[in-house]
Amino acid sequence: MASLSGEITYSTRAVYICRGLSPPEYDEQAGDADKMTGAYERSASKVPEVTLVFWIIKIAATTLGETGGDTVTMTLNWGYLVGTALFLSLLLVLVIFQIAAKRLYPWLYWATIVASTTAGTTMADFADRSLGIGYAGGSSLLFTCLMVTLGVWYWSQGSISVATVNTPKVEAFYWVAITFSQTLGTALGDWTADDTGLGYDGGALLFAAGLAVLAAAYFWTNTSRVFLFWAAFILTRPLGATVGDYLDKPVSDGGLNLSRPVASAVIETFIIGCLLFLPQRAGQHPGRSDTAV
């Protein structure tokens, strides 16, 4: 056991050194104690392992964010400003719980994702329609905000890989980036469906094709996994937005005119089923694996 522990320690220190980071001091007895107390478990990423199931739930969550946001702002007629304040407050509370959690709790994580995508829907609609800057202007502003967030995150931590999301500071960067990416995706989806003339079904096909290109790059090229993750995360949002709009918009606008609350309930049931029958585990921390997402 001592030999094996030594090999793991050496490997871990080597990964830190290769990444230009200062390796932590390791004490074998303390390491065993960490495992006993759960500190070892807390070193895992608090983002689920990025698999096909992750992306299925992500697309469903973004679709729910679209129909749920429209339910509050349009069906209930609360307006974009009130809807934005409501969902941003909910998002803030869930992010605080998420950061305070000692390990990944899939239910809490995906509830926070749904809150971010719903807040993204209302914020994008508020910027595009209430502020009058239009879809193109809103998309440009949000893209700039996202790039600045990722840039500051990288400058501060040396990585924007989701495998490193296991400290409060990194989690704060992560959730700010997630919220901007969700809002950007909403604006892109609306711009594609409305201003380009593609409609909701054409927009969904366009973004699905973009995701297929990213998937091909993942399997058959050496393109950065970090870049592919963030690109896919952004593109799944407008895909979900256009699917959501297709479900609940009037037939005259190219939609199916389904009830927004009913559509939201169906999608929510699907997500709950995925979480019940397709368990998720935390992604690997780079201290134990040098594979970046």
C-alpha atoms as a PDB file:
ATOM      1  CA  MET A   1       0.000   0.000   0.000  1.00  0.00           C
ATOM      2  CA  ALA A   2       2.852   2.349   0.814  1.00  0.00           C
ATOM      3  CA  SER A   3       4.369   1.801  -2.649  1.00  0.00           C
ATOM      4  CA  LEU A   4       1.057   2.376  -4.379  1.00  0.00           C
ATOM      5  CA  SER A   5       0.425   5.493  -2.324  1.00  0.00           C
ATOM      6  CA  GLY A   6       3.860   6.781  -3.273  1.00  0.00           C
ATOM      7  CA  GLU A   7       3.164   6.244  -6.965  1.00  0.00           C
ATOM      8  CA  ILE A   8      -0.152   8.102  -6.721  1.00  0.00           C
ATOM      9  CA  THR A   9       1.529  10.952  -4.864  1.00  0.00           C
ATOM     10  CA  TYR A  10       4.273  11.212  -7.468  1.00  0.00           C
ATOM     11  CA  SER A  11       1.768  11.151 -10.332  1.00  0.00           C
ATOM     12  CA  THR A  12      -0.370  13.816  -8.694  1.00  0.00           C
ATOM     13  CA  ARG A  13       2.626  16.104  -8.091  1.00  0.00           C
ATOM     14  CA  ALA A  14       3.775  15.587 -11.686  1.00  0.00           C
ATOM     15  CA  VAL A  15       0.397  16.706 -13.034  1.00  0.00           C
ATOM     16  CA  TYR A  16       0.504  19.875 -10.948  1.00  0.00           C
ATOM     17  CA  ILE A  17       4.060  20.666 -12.085  1.00  0.00           C
ATOM     18  CA  CYS A  18       3.193  20.072 -15.778  1.00  0.00           C
ATOM     19  CA  ARG A  19       0.304  22.522 -15.412  1.00  0.00           C
ATOM     20  CA  GLY A  20       2.588  25.157 -13.911  1.00  0.00           C
ATOM     21  CA  LEU A  21       0.959  24.887 -10.473  1.00  0.00           C
ATOM     22  CA  SER A  22       2.529  24.437  -7.077  1.00  0.00           C
ATOM     23  CA  PRO A  23       1.923  20.855  -5.927  1.00  0.00           C
ATOM     24  CA  PRO A  24       0.346  20.509  -2.498  1.00  0.00           C
ATOM     25  CA  GLU A  25       2.310  18.895   0.269  1.00  0.00           C
ATOM     26  CA  TYR A  26       1.133  15.335   0.800  1.00  0.00           C
ATOM     27  CA  ASP A  27       1.228  13.390   3.992  1.00  0.00           C
ATOM     28  CA  GLU A  28       0.250   9.729   3.701  1.00  0.00           C
ATOM     29  CA  GLN A  29      -1.394   9.563   7.112  1.00  0.00           C
ATOM     30  CA  ALA A  30      -3.215  12.840   6.489  1.00  0.00           C
ATOM     31  CA  GLY A  31      -4.296  11.540   3.086  1.00  0.00           C
ATOM     32  CA  ASP A  32      -5.820   8.463   4.695  1.00  0.00           C
ATOM     33  CA  ALA A  33      -7.514  10.692   7.243  1.00  0.00           C
ATOM     34  CA  ASP A  34      -8.918  12.853   4.442  1.00  0.00           C
ATOM     35  CA  LYS A  35     -10.516   9.798   2.897  1.00  0.00           C
ATOM     36  CA  MET A  36     -11.978   8.888   6.273  1.00  0.00           C
ATOM     37  CA  THR A  37     -13.442  12.384   6.822  1.00  0.00           C
ATOM     38  CA  GLY A  38     -14.620  13.018   3.277  1.00  0.00           C
ATOM     39  CA  ALA A  39     -12.053  15.675   2.349  1.00  0.00           C
ATOM     40  CA  TYR A  40     -10.845  13.446  -0.471  1.00  0.00           C
ATOM     41  CA  GLU A  41     -14.354  13.341  -1.891  1.00  0.00           C
ATOM     42  CA  ARG A  42     -14.553  17.128  -1.874  1.00  0.00           C
ATOM     43  CA  SER A  43     -11.586  17.292  -4.264  1.00  0.00           C
ATOM     44  CA  ALA A  44     -13.823  15.966  -7.053  1.00  0.00           C
ATOM     45  CA  SER A  45     -15.367  18.425  -9.469  1.00  0.00           C
ATOM     46  CA  LYS A  46     -18.850  19.613  -8.576  1.00  0.00           C
ATOM     47  CA  VAL A  47     -19.893  19.400 -12.220  1.00  0.00           C
ATOM     48  CA  PRO A  48     -21.310  16.042 -13.383  1.00  0.00           C
ATOM     49  CA  GLU A  49     -19.185  13.883 -15.629  1.00  0.00           C
ATOM     50  CA  VAL A  50     -19.665  15.195 -19.172  1.00  0.00           C
ATOM     51  CA  THR A  51     -21.316  12.313 -21.000  1.00  0.00           C
ATOM     52  CA  LEU A  52     -24.195  11.890 -23.453  1.00  0.00           C
ATOM     53  CA  VAL A  53     -26.602  11.882 -20.495  1.00  0.00           C
ATOM     54  CA  PHE A  54     -25.206  15.267 -19.414  1.00  0.00           C
ATOM     55  CA  TRP A  55     -26.011  16.798 -22.806  1.00  0.00           C
ATOM     56  CA  ILE A  56     -29.469  15.216 -22.988  1.00  0.00           C
ATOM     57  CA  ILE A  57     -30.416  16.714 -19.627  1.00  0.00           C
ATOM     58  CA  LYS A  58     -28.769  20.022 -20.577  1.00  0.00           C
ATOM     59  CA  ILE A  59     -30.870  20.371 -23.749  1.00  0.00           C
ATOM     60  CA  ALA A  60     -34.030  19.442 -21.841  1.00  0.00           C
ATOM     61  CA  ALA A  61     -33.147  21.976 -19.124  1.00  0.00           C
ATOM     62  CA  THR A  62     -32.652  24.746 -21.668  1.00  0.00           C
ATOM     63  CA  THR A  63     -35.977  23.910 -23.299  1.00  0.00           C
ATOM     64  CA  LEU A  64     -37.632  24.040 -19.877  1.00  0.00           C
ATOM     65  CA  GLY A  65     -35.951  27.382 -19.258  1.00  0.00           C
ATOM     66  CA  GLU A  66     -37.545  28.768 -22.424  1.00  0.00           C
ATOM     67  CA  THR A  67     -41.060  27.488 -21.767  1.00  0.00           C
ATOM     68  CA  GLY A  68     -40.838  28.244 -18.034  1.00  0.00           C
ATOM     69  CA  GLY A  69     -39.592  31.782 -18.588  1.00  0.00           C
ATOM     70  CA  ASP A  70     -42.299  32.458 -21.178  1.00  0.00           C
ATOM     71  CA  THR A  71     -44.922  31.061 -18.781  1.00  0.00           C
ATOM     72  CA  VAL A  72     -44.069  33.706 -16.181  1.00  0.00           C
ATOM     73  CA  THR A  73     -43.446  36.669 -18.494  1.00  0.00           C
ATOM     74  CA  MET A  74     -46.118  36.012 -21.137  1.00  0.00           C
ATOM     75  CA  THR A  75     -48.750  33.542 -19.930  1.00  0.00           C
ATOM     76  CA  LEU A  76     -48.949  35.062 -16.433  1.00  0.00           C
ATOM     77  CA  ASN A  77     -48.162  38.482 -17.954  1.00  0.00           C
ATOM     78  CA  TRP A  78     -45.716  39.439 -15.215  1.00  0.00           C
ATOM     79  CA  GLY A  79     -43.391  41.070 -17.722  1.00  0.00           C
ATOM     80  CA  TYR A  80     -39.697  40.687 -18.453  1.00  0.00           C
ATOM     81  CA  LEU A  81     -38.429  42.888 -15.620  1.00  0.00           C
ATOM     82  CA  VAL A  82     -40.367  41.076 -12.880  1.00  0.00           C
ATOM     83  CA  GLY A  83     -39.541  37.696 -14.435  1.00  0.00           C
ATOM     84  CA  THR A  84     -35.841  38.566 -14.544  1.00  0.00           C
ATOM     85  CA  ALA A  85     -35.842  39.708 -10.904  1.00  0.00           C
ATOM     86  CA  LEU A  86     -37.694  36.557  -9.825  1.00  0.00           C
ATOM     87  CA  PHE A  87     -35.465  34.052 -11.599  1.00  0.00           C
ATOM     88  CA  LEU A  88     -32.224  35.881 -10.822  1.00  0.00           C
ATOM     89  CA  SER A  89     -33.140  35.810  -7.123  1.00  0.00           C
ATOM     90  CA  LEU A  90     -33.881  32.085  -7.348  1.00  0.00           C
ATOM     91  CA  LEU A  91     -30.615  31.528  -9.210  1.00  0.00           C
ATOM     92  CA  LEU A  92     -28.626  33.418  -6.584  1.00  0.00           C
ATOM     93  CA  VAL A  93     -30.098  31.308  -3.771  1.00  0.00           C
ATOM     94  CA  LEU A  94     -29.398  28.045  -5.600  1.00  0.00           C
ATOM     95  CA  VAL A  95     -25.828  29.086  -6.475  1.00  0.00           C
ATOM     96  CA  ILE A  96     -25.176  29.818  -2.788  1.00  0.00           C
ATOM     97  CA  PHE A  97     -26.430  26.338  -1.864  1.00  0.00           C
ATOM     98  CA  GLN A  98     -24.418  24.808  -4.700  1.00  0.00           C
ATOM     99  CA  ILE A  99     -21.198  26.480  -3.590  1.00  0.00           C
ATOM    100  CA  ALA A 100     -21.833  25.583   0.062  1.00  0.00           C
ATOM    101  CA  ALA A 101     -22.362  21.905  -0.805  1.00  0.00           C
ATOM    102  CA  LYS A 102     -19.385  19.663   0.000  1.00  0.00           C
ATOM    103  CA  ARG A 103     -19.817  17.482  -3.085  1.00  0.00           C
ATOM    104  CA  LEU A 104     -21.886  17.115  -6.232  1.00  0.00           C
ATOM    105  CA  TYR A 105     -25.619  16.713  -5.687  1.00  0.00           C
ATOM    106  CA  PRO A 106     -27.127  16.153  -9.171  1.00  0.00           C
ATOM    107  CA  TRP A 107     -30.567  17.422  -8.140  1.00  0.00           C
ATOM    108  CA  LEU A 108     -29.133  20.671  -6.816  1.00  0.00           C
ATOM    109  CA  TYR A 109     -26.791  21.093  -9.773  1.00  0.00           C
ATOM    110  CA  TRP A 110     -29.542  20.672 -12.380  1.00  0.00           C
ATOM    111  CA  ALA A 111     -31.987  22.831 -10.435  1.00  0.00           C
ATOM    112  CA  THR A 112     -29.344  25.571 -10.593  1.00  0.00           C
ATOM    113  CA  ILE A 113     -28.867  24.986 -14.324  1.00  0.00           C
ATOM    114  CA  VAL A 114     -32.632  25.276 -14.898  1.00  0.00           C
ATOM    115  CA  ALA A 115     -32.698  28.488 -12.859  1.00  0.00           C
ATOM    116  CA  SER A 116     -29.808  29.900 -14.908  1.00  0.00           C
ATOM    117  CA  THR A 117     -31.435  29.035 -18.223  1.00  0.00           C
ATOM    118  CA  THR A 118     -34.802  30.456 -17.102  1.00  0.00           C
ATOM    119  CA  ALA A 119     -33.112  33.636 -15.886  1.00  0.00           C
ATOM    120  CA  GLY A 120     -31.242  33.699 -19.196  1.00  0.00           C
ATOM    121  CA  THR A 121     -34.529  33.587 -21.093  1.00  0.00           C
ATOM    122  CA  THR A 122     -36.058  36.524 -19.228  1.00  0.00           C
ATOM    123  CA  MET A 123     -32.825  38.567 -19.254  1.00  0.00           C
ATOM    124  CA  ALA A 124     -32.346  38.107 -22.993  1.00  0.00           C
ATOM    125  CA  ASP A 125     -35.971  39.012 -23.692  1.00  0.00           C
ATOM    126  CA  PHE A 126     -35.665  42.066 -21.437  1.00  0.00           C
ATOM    127  CA  ALA A 127     -32.515  43.238 -23.224  1.00  0.00           C
ATOM    128  CA  ASP A 128     -33.815  42.487 -26.725  1.00  0.00           C
ATOM    129  CA  ARG A 129     -37.346  43.822 -26.353  1.00  0.00           C
ATOM    130  CA  SER A 130     -37.685  46.086 -23.306  1.00  0.00           C
ATOM    131  CA  LEU A 131     -34.318  47.844 -23.745  1.00  0.00           C
ATOM    132  CA  GLY A 132     -34.757  47.881 -27.514  1.00  0.00           C
ATOM    133  CA  ILE A 133     -31.203  46.858 -28.446  1.00  0.00           C
ATOM    134  CA  GLY A 134     -32.454  44.041 -30.673  1.00  0.00           C
ATOM    135  CA  TYR A 135     -31.340  40.435 -31.001  1.00  0.00           C
ATOM    136  CA  ALA A 136     -28.047  41.256 -32.739  1.00  0.00           C
ATOM    137  CA  GLY A 137     -27.148  43.936 -30.191  1.00  0.00           C
ATOM    138  CA  GLY A 138     -28.113  41.708 -27.276  1.00  0.00           C
ATOM    139  CA  SER A 139     -26.119  38.779 -28.651  1.00  0.00           C
ATOM    140  CA  SER A 140     -23.027  40.966 -29.164  1.00  0.00           C
ATOM    141  CA  LEU A 141     -23.249  42.405 -25.646  1.00  0.00           C
ATOM    142  CA  LEU A 142     -23.713  39.000 -24.044  1.00  0.00           C
ATOM    143  CA  PHE A 143     -20.901  37.429 -26.092  1.00  0.00           C
ATOM    144  CA  THR A 144     -18.573  40.170 -24.854  1.00  0.00           C
ATOM    145  CA  CYS A 145     -19.654  39.583 -21.241  1.00  0.00           C
ATOM    146  CA  LEU A 146     -19.053  35.836 -21.585  1.00  0.00           C
ATOM    147  CA  MET A 147     -15.619  36.275 -23.146  1.00  0.00           C
ATOM    148  CA  VAL A 148     -14.596  38.742 -20.432  1.00  0.00           C
ATOM    149  CA  THR A 149     -15.762  36.316 -17.731  1.00  0.00           C
ATOM    150  CA  LEU A 150     -13.854  33.387 -19.241  1.00  0.00           C
ATOM    151  CA  GLY A 151     -10.800  35.589 -19.763  1.00  0.00           C
ATOM    152  CA  VAL A 152     -10.728  36.791 -16.145  1.00  0.00           C
ATOM    153  CA  TRP A 153     -11.349  33.228 -14.946  1.00  0.00           C
ATOM    154  CA  TYR A 154      -8.401  31.934 -17.003  1.00  0.00           C
ATOM    155  CA  TRP A 155      -6.168  34.805 -15.902  1.00  0.00           C
ATOM    156  CA  SER A 156      -7.033  34.133 -12.254  1.00  0.00           C
ATOM    157  CA  GLN A 157      -6.903  30.311 -12.219  1.00  0.00           C
ATOM    158  CA  GLY A 158      -4.871  29.279 -15.271  1.00  0.00           C
ATOM    159  CA  SER A 159      -7.691  27.070 -16.574  1.00  0.00           C
ATOM    160  CA  ILE A 160     -11.384  27.258 -17.471  1.00  0.00           C
ATOM    161  CA  SER A 161     -11.854  23.489 -17.489  1.00  0.00           C
ATOM    162  CA  VAL A 162     -14.970  22.302 -15.686  1.00  0.00           C
ATOM    163  CA  ALA A 163     -12.825  19.574 -14.134  1.00  0.00           C
ATOM    164  CA  THR A 164     -11.403  22.269 -11.822  1.00  0.00           C
ATOM    165  CA  VAL A 165     -14.771  23.402 -10.453  1.00  0.00           C
ATOM    166  CA  ASN A 166     -14.275  22.390  -6.819  1.00  0.00           C
ATOM    167  CA  THR A 167     -13.498  25.593  -4.898  1.00  0.00           C
ATOM    168  CA  PRO A 168     -15.819  28.522  -4.080  1.00  0.00           C
ATOM    169  CA  LYS A 169     -13.844  30.974  -6.238  1.00  0.00           C
ATOM    170  CA  VAL A 170     -13.819  28.716  -9.285  1.00  0.00           C
ATOM    171  CA  GLU A 171     -17.487  27.875  -8.775  1.00  0.00           C
ATOM    172  CA  ALA A 172     -18.322  31.595  -8.721  1.00  0.00           C
ATOM    173  CA  PHE A 173     -16.560  32.028 -12.071  1.00  0.00           C
ATOM    174  CA  TYR A 174     -18.309  28.934 -13.406  1.00  0.00           C
ATOM    175  CA  TRP A 175     -21.838  30.062 -12.552  1.00  0.00           C
ATOM    176  CA  VAL A 176     -21.298  33.588 -13.861  1.00  0.00           C
ATOM    177  CA  ALA A 177     -20.028  32.103 -17.141  1.00  0.00           C
ATOM    178  CA  ILE A 178     -22.943  29.643 -17.220  1.00  0.00           C
ATOM    179  CA  THR A 179     -25.493  32.427 -16.755  1.00  0.00           C
ATOM    180  CA  PHE A 180     -23.977  34.577 -19.499  1.00  0.00           C
ATOM    181  CA  SER A 181     -23.768  31.579 -21.847  1.00  0.00           C
ATOM    182  CA  GLN A 182     -27.406  30.693 -21.189  1.00  0.00           C
ATOM    183  CA  THR A 183     -28.511  34.274 -21.839  1.00  0.00           C
ATOM    184  CA  LEU A 184     -26.363  34.487 -24.978  1.00  0.00           C
ATOM    185  CA  GLY A 185     -27.866  31.251 -26.254  1.00  0.00           C
ATOM    186  CA  THR A 186     -31.382  32.624 -25.811  1.00  0.00           C
ATOM    187  CA  ALA A 187     -30.553  35.775 -27.771  1.00  0.00           C
ATOM    188  CA  LEU A 188     -28.878  33.722 -30.519  1.00  0.00           C
ATOM    189  CA  GLY A 189     -31.892  31.432 -30.761  1.00  0.00           C
ATOM    190  CA  ASP A 190     -34.312  34.354 -31.069  1.00  0.00           C
ATOM    191  CA  TRP A 191     -32.097  36.122 -33.600  1.00  0.00           C
ATOM    192  CA  THR A 192     -31.783  32.999 -35.742  1.00  0.00           C
ATOM    193  CA  ALA A 193     -35.476  32.156 -35.648  1.00  0.00           C
ATOM    194  CA  ASP A 194     -36.835  35.678 -36.146  1.00  0.00           C
ATOM    195  CA  ASP A 195     -34.294  37.842 -37.972  1.00  0.00           C
ATOM    196  CA  THR A 196     -32.763  35.315 -40.377  1.00  0.00           C
ATOM    197  CA  GLY A 197     -36.082  33.871 -41.539  1.00  0.00           C
ATOM    198  CA  LEU A 198     -35.137  30.291 -40.621  1.00  0.00           C
ATOM    199  CA  GLY A 199     -38.006  29.950 -38.170  1.00  0.00           C
ATOM    200  CA  TYR A 200     -38.005  27.789 -35.062  1.00  0.00           C
ATOM    201  CA  ASP A 201     -37.641  24.445 -36.825  1.00  0.00           C
ATOM    202  CA  GLY A 202     -34.932  25.760 -39.151  1.00  0.00           C
ATOM    203  CA  GLY A 203     -33.067  27.296 -36.205  1.00  0.00           C
ATOM    204  CA  ALA A 204     -33.232  24.027 -34.276  1.00  0.00           C
ATOM    205  CA  LEU A 205     -31.805  22.144 -37.262  1.00  0.00           C
ATOM    206  CA  LEU A 206     -29.016  24.713 -37.647  1.00  0.00           C
ATOM    207  CA  PHE A 207     -27.894  24.466 -34.037  1.00  0.00           C
ATOM    208  CA  ALA A 208     -28.247  20.667 -34.063  1.00  0.00           C
ATOM    209  CA  ALA A 209     -25.931  20.622 -37.082  1.00  0.00           C
ATOM    210  CA  GLY A 210     -23.455  22.828 -35.211  1.00  0.00           C
ATOM    211  CA  LEU A 211     -23.475  20.400 -32.288  1.00  0.00           C
ATOM    212  CA  ALA A 212     -22.901  17.505 -34.700  1.00  0.00           C
ATOM    213  CA  VAL A 213     -19.801  19.292 -36.012  1.00  0.00           C
ATOM    214  CA  LEU A 214     -18.521  19.725 -32.447  1.00  0.00           C
ATOM    215  CA  ALA A 215     -19.192  16.055 -31.719  1.00  0.00           C
ATOM    216  CA  ALA A 216     -17.213  15.064 -34.820  1.00  0.00           C
ATOM    217  CA  ALA A 217     -14.356  17.298 -33.673  1.00  0.00           C
ATOM    218  CA  TYR A 218     -14.450  15.619 -30.267  1.00  0.00           C
ATOM    219  CA  PHE A 219     -14.194  12.078 -31.642  1.00  0.00           C
ATOM    220  CA  TRP A 220     -11.901  12.590 -34.641  1.00  0.00           C
ATOM    221  CA  THR A 221      -9.663  15.577 -33.893  1.00  0.00           C
ATOM    222  CA  ASN A 222      -7.382  16.815 -31.125  1.00  0.00           C
ATOM    223  CA  THR A 223      -9.345  20.041 -30.666  1.00  0.00           C
ATOM    224  CA  SER A 224      -9.197  21.352 -27.104  1.00  0.00           C
ATOM    225  CA  ARG A 225     -11.789  19.606 -24.948  1.00  0.00           C
ATOM    226  CA  VAL A 226     -12.231  22.790 -22.938  1.00  0.00           C
ATOM    227  CA  PHE A 227     -13.094  24.758 -26.083  1.00  0.00           C
ATOM    228  CA  LEU A 228     -15.464  22.040 -27.288  1.00  0.00           C
ATOM    229  CA  PHE A 229     -17.269  21.962 -23.933  1.00  0.00           C
ATOM    230  CA  TRP A 230     -17.943  25.690 -23.849  1.00  0.00           C
ATOM    231  CA  ALA A 231     -18.875  25.813 -27.529  1.00  0.00           C
ATOM    232  CA  ALA A 232     -21.326  22.942 -27.037  1.00  0.00           C
ATOM    233  CA  PHE A 233     -22.682  24.490 -23.847  1.00  0.00           C
ATOM    234  CA  ILE A 234     -23.451  27.706 -25.701  1.00  0.00           C
ATOM    235  CA  LEU A 235     -25.002  25.986 -28.732  1.00  0.00           C
ATOM    236  CA  THR A 236     -27.260  23.701 -26.692  1.00  0.00           C
ATOM    237  CA  ARG A 237     -28.949  26.802 -25.270  1.00  0.00           C
ATOM    238  CA  PRO A 238     -30.291  28.210 -28.575  1.00  0.00           C
ATOM    239  CA  LEU A 239     -31.202  24.653 -29.594  1.00  0.00           C
ATOM    240  CA  GLY A 240     -33.322  24.344 -26.457  1.00  0.00           C
ATOM    241  CA  ALA A 241     -34.672  27.869 -26.964  1.00  0.00           C
ATOM    242  CA  THR A 242     -35.818  27.204 -30.522  1.00  0.00           C
ATOM    243  CA  VAL A 243     -37.345  23.867 -29.528  1.00  0.00           C
ATOM    244  CA  GLY A 244     -39.147  25.569 -26.654  1.00  0.00           C
ATOM    245  CA  ASP A 245     -40.418  28.343 -28.917  1.00  0.00           C
ATOM    246  CA  TYR A 246     -41.491  25.762 -31.489  1.00  0.00           C
ATOM    247  CA  LEU A 247     -43.581  24.031 -28.833  1.00  0.00           C
ATOM    248  CA  ASP A 248     -45.391  27.072 -27.428  1.00  0.00           C
ATOM    249  CA  LYS A 249     -45.469  29.781 -30.116  1.00  0.00           C
ATOM    250  CA  PRO A 250     -48.647  30.345 -32.190  1.00  0.00           C
ATOM    251  CA  VAL A 251     -49.125  28.320 -35.369  1.00  0.00           C
ATOM    252  CA  SER A 252     -49.098  31.581 -37.344  1.00  0.00           C
ATOM    253  CA  ASP A 253     -45.537  32.166 -36.101  1.00  0.00           C
ATOM    254  CA  GLY A 254     -44.397  28.648 -36.993  1.00  0.00           C
ATOM    255  CA  GLY A 255     -44.992  27.018 -33.593  1.00  0.00           C
ATOM    256  CA  LEU A 256     -47.259  24.262 -32.301  1.00  0.00           C
ATOM    257  CA  ASN A 257     -49.178  26.560 -29.911  1.00  0.00           C
ATOM    258  CA  LEU A 258     -48.954  24.106 -26.998  1.00  0.00           C
ATOM    259  CA  SER A 259     -49.763  25.306 -23.509  1.00  0.00           C
ATOM    260  CA  ARG A 260     -46.587  26.689 -21.917  1.00  0.00           C
ATOM    261  CA  PRO A 261     -47.362  25.329 -18.433  1.00  0.00           C
ATOM    262  CA  VAL A 262     -48.194  21.896 -19.854  1.00  0.00           C
ATOM    263  CA  ALA A 263     -45.065  21.819 -22.028  1.00  0.00           C
ATOM    264  CA  SER A 264     -42.985  22.886 -19.015  1.00  0.00           C
ATOM    265  CA  ALA A 265     -44.513  20.142 -16.859  1.00  0.00           C
ATOM    266  CA  VAL A 266     -43.784  17.473 -19.481  1.00  0.00           C
ATOM    267  CA  ILE A 267     -40.158  18.568 -19.863  1.00  0.00           C
ATOM    268  CA  GLU A 268     -39.716  18.764 -16.091  1.00  0.00           C
ATOM    269  CA  THR A 269     -41.046  15.222 -15.738  1.00  0.00           C
ATOM    270  CA  PHE A 270     -38.559  14.046 -18.369  1.00  0.00           C
ATOM    271  CA  ILE A 271     -35.642  15.652 -16.500  1.00  0.00           C
ATOM    272  CA  ILE A 272     -36.741  14.111 -13.197  1.00  0.00           C
ATOM    273  CA  GLY A 273     -36.946  10.713 -14.900  1.00  0.00           C
ATOM    274  CA  CYS A 274     -33.402  11.124 -16.242  1.00  0.00           C
ATOM    275  CA  LEU A 275     -32.085  11.968 -12.778  1.00  0.00           C
ATOM    276  CA  LEU A 276     -33.892   9.008 -11.226  1.00  0.00           C
ATOM    277  CA  PHE A 277     -32.922   6.348 -13.752  1.00  0.00           C
ATOM    278  CA  LEU A 278     -29.637   7.683 -15.171  1.00  0.00           C
ATOM    279  CA  PRO A 279     -27.480   8.431 -12.103  1.00  0.00           C
ATOM    280  CA  GLN A 280     -24.590  10.842 -12.544  1.00  0.00           C
ATOM    281  CA  ARG A 281     -21.250  11.047 -10.834  1.00  0.00           C
ATOM    282  CA  ALA A 282     -18.870  13.936 -10.331  1.00  0.00           C
ATOM    283  CA  GLY A 283     -16.311  14.702 -13.005  1.00  0.00           C
ATOM    284  CA  GLN A 284     -12.688  13.914 -12.294  1.00  0.00           C
ATOM    285  CA  HIS A 285     -10.437  16.436 -10.600  1.00  0.00           C
ATOM    286  CA  PRO A 286      -7.189  17.173 -12.490  1.00  0.00           C
ATOM    287  CA  GLY A 287      -5.255  16.224  -9.366  1.00  0.00           C
ATOM    288  CA  ARG A 288      -6.259  12.624 -10.103  1.00  0.00           C
ATOM    289  CA  SER A 289      -6.497  12.724 -13.872  1.00  0.00           C
ATOM    290  CA  ASP A 290      -4.722  14.849 -16.446  1.00  0.00           C
ATOM    291  CA  THR A 291      -7.610  14.549 -18.886  1.00  0.00           C
ATOM    292  CA  ALA A 292      -9.230  17.914 -19.518  1.00  0.00           C
ATOM    293  CA  VAL A 293     -12.886  18.184 -20.432  1.00  0.00           C
END
